[in-house]
Amino acid sequence: MRIDDPGFSVWLDDRFIIQVRTRTAWTVEIADRYWACFQPFLDASRAQWGHARVLVDRRGTPIMPITMVQVMRDGIMAFYRPGDRLALVVDSSPLKMQVRQNYQLPSIDAFLSYDAALAWLENS
């Protein structure tokens, strides 16, 4: 299962980790398409693990304006359940700190390294 959209790709890897790769600056319209596509992947990951494991690779994409941060936070609160894990891979330490400040949940963390994010998900 894989979805390729102009703003993102989302697929379930062989470990039942949901992989997301962003491509552009997100708008509300892209976020709406993303959340609509995302639910079947959450269901499949939860069926395997009892919770969802998600790795979002945002490297190379523009910083989200604060309005989009709020839109995504609202989506996270609506779609994620306690026990789900979300790892975000970003380009810089300031972005990593921005994620940690704006998404203060124990099941979400930001990483500069894809491998570190993957290891965090696999060990949680």
Protein backbone atom coordinates (compact mmCIF):
# COMPACT_ATOMS: atom_id res chain seq x y z
CA MET A 1 0.00 0.00 0.00
CA ARG A 2 1.41 3.38 -1.07
CA ILE A 3 -0.01 6.80 -1.89
CA ASP A 4 1.94 9.36 -3.91
CA ASP A 5 0.53 12.89 -3.79
CA PRO A 6 2.24 16.05 -5.09
CA GLY A 7 2.76 17.13 -1.46
CA PHE A 8 3.69 13.80 0.14
CA SER A 9 4.15 10.08 -0.16
CA VAL A 10 2.90 7.66 2.47
CA TRP A 11 3.47 3.91 2.66
CA LEU A 12 3.62 1.04 5.11
CA ASP A 13 7.02 -0.61 5.20
CA ASP A 14 7.72 -4.28 5.91
CA ARG A 15 7.98 -3.53 9.68
CA PHE A 16 4.49 -1.98 9.65
CA ILE A 17 5.99 1.46 10.26
CA ILE A 18 4.13 4.18 8.39
CA GLN A 19 6.65 6.12 6.33
CA VAL A 20 5.81 9.66 5.20
CA ARG A 21 7.96 11.81 2.94
CA THR A 22 6.96 15.44 2.49
CA ARG A 23 7.86 17.29 -0.70
CA THR A 24 6.58 20.87 -0.54
CA ALA A 25 5.37 23.56 1.80
CA TRP A 26 2.06 22.29 3.13
CA THR A 27 -1.21 24.13 2.83
CA VAL A 28 -4.50 23.35 4.54
CA GLU A 29 -5.59 21.59 1.34
CA ILE A 30 -2.53 19.31 1.36
CA ALA A 31 -3.04 18.58 5.06
CA ASP A 32 -6.69 17.68 4.39
CA ARG A 33 -5.63 15.26 1.62
CA TYR A 34 -2.95 13.80 3.88
CA TRP A 35 -5.28 13.12 6.81
CA ALA A 36 -7.86 11.59 4.46
CA CYS A 37 -5.23 9.17 3.07
CA PHE A 38 -3.62 8.44 6.44
CA GLN A 39 -6.32 6.50 8.32
CA PRO A 40 -5.89 3.13 6.51
CA PHE A 41 -2.17 3.20 7.31
CA LEU A 42 -2.90 3.90 10.98
CA ASP A 43 -5.33 1.00 11.03
CA ALA A 44 -2.79 -1.41 9.48
CA SER A 45 0.03 -0.39 11.84
CA ARG A 46 -2.27 -0.65 14.88
CA ALA A 47 -3.48 -4.07 13.74
CA GLN A 48 0.13 -5.30 13.75
CA TRP A 49 1.45 -3.61 16.90
CA GLY A 50 -1.56 -2.49 18.92
CA HIS A 51 -0.39 1.08 18.28
CA ALA A 52 0.78 3.04 15.26
CA ARG A 53 4.41 3.82 14.52
CA VAL A 54 4.96 6.73 12.13
CA LEU A 55 8.15 8.21 10.66
CA VAL A 56 7.73 11.56 8.88
CA ASP A 57 10.75 12.70 6.88
CA ARG A 58 10.53 16.48 6.45
CA ARG A 59 14.13 17.03 5.35
CA GLY A 60 14.42 19.50 2.50
CA THR A 61 10.95 20.97 2.92
CA PRO A 62 10.19 24.53 4.03
CA ILE A 63 9.44 25.42 7.62
CA MET A 64 5.72 25.37 8.36
CA PRO A 65 4.12 28.68 9.26
CA ILE A 66 2.55 28.71 12.72
CA THR A 67 -0.95 28.38 11.23
CA MET A 68 0.05 25.08 9.59
CA VAL A 69 1.71 23.91 12.81
CA GLN A 70 -1.69 24.39 14.48
CA VAL A 71 -3.52 22.56 11.66
CA MET A 72 -1.13 19.61 12.00
CA ARG A 73 -1.37 19.65 15.81
CA ASP A 74 -5.16 19.47 15.49
CA GLY A 75 -4.81 16.51 13.12
CA ILE A 76 -2.42 14.74 15.46
CA MET A 77 -4.85 15.19 18.34
CA ALA A 78 -7.72 13.86 16.18
CA PHE A 79 -5.99 10.86 14.58
CA TYR A 80 -3.35 9.66 17.03
CA ARG A 81 -4.18 7.59 20.10
CA PRO A 82 -2.27 7.15 23.35
CA GLY A 83 0.50 4.67 22.67
CA ASP A 84 1.02 5.70 19.04
CA ARG A 85 4.53 6.93 18.21
CA LEU A 86 5.48 9.73 15.80
CA ALA A 87 9.08 10.47 14.83
CA LEU A 88 9.80 13.56 12.73
CA VAL A 89 13.09 13.91 10.84
CA VAL A 90 14.07 17.55 10.28
CA ASP A 91 17.01 19.49 8.84
CA SER A 92 18.28 21.50 11.80
CA SER A 93 18.45 21.78 15.55
CA PRO A 94 16.21 24.89 15.58
CA LEU A 95 13.52 22.92 13.72
CA LYS A 96 13.97 20.04 16.12
CA MET A 97 13.41 22.41 19.04
CA GLN A 98 10.37 23.93 17.29
CA VAL A 99 8.80 20.49 16.98
CA ARG A 100 9.50 19.68 20.62
CA GLN A 101 8.00 23.01 21.76
CA ASN A 102 4.89 22.82 19.58
CA TYR A 103 4.10 19.13 19.99
CA GLN A 104 4.67 18.47 23.67
CA LEU A 105 3.49 14.88 23.82
CA PRO A 106 5.60 11.98 25.10
CA SER A 107 4.83 9.93 22.00
CA ILE A 108 6.27 12.50 19.56
CA ASP A 109 9.92 13.33 19.06
CA ALA A 110 12.12 15.04 16.46
CA PHE A 111 15.43 13.84 15.08
CA LEU A 112 18.16 15.09 12.78
CA SER A 113 18.92 11.54 11.69
CA TYR A 114 16.58 9.18 9.87
CA ASP A 115 18.35 6.20 11.46
CA ALA A 116 17.93 7.63 14.98
CA ALA A 117 14.22 8.21 14.35
CA LEU A 118 13.79 4.68 13.05
CA ALA A 119 15.65 3.21 16.03
CA TRP A 120 13.45 5.20 18.44
CA LEU A 121 10.33 3.79 16.78
CA GLU A 122 11.62 0.23 16.69
CA ASN A 123 12.57 0.33 20.38
CA SER A 124 9.34 1.87 21.64
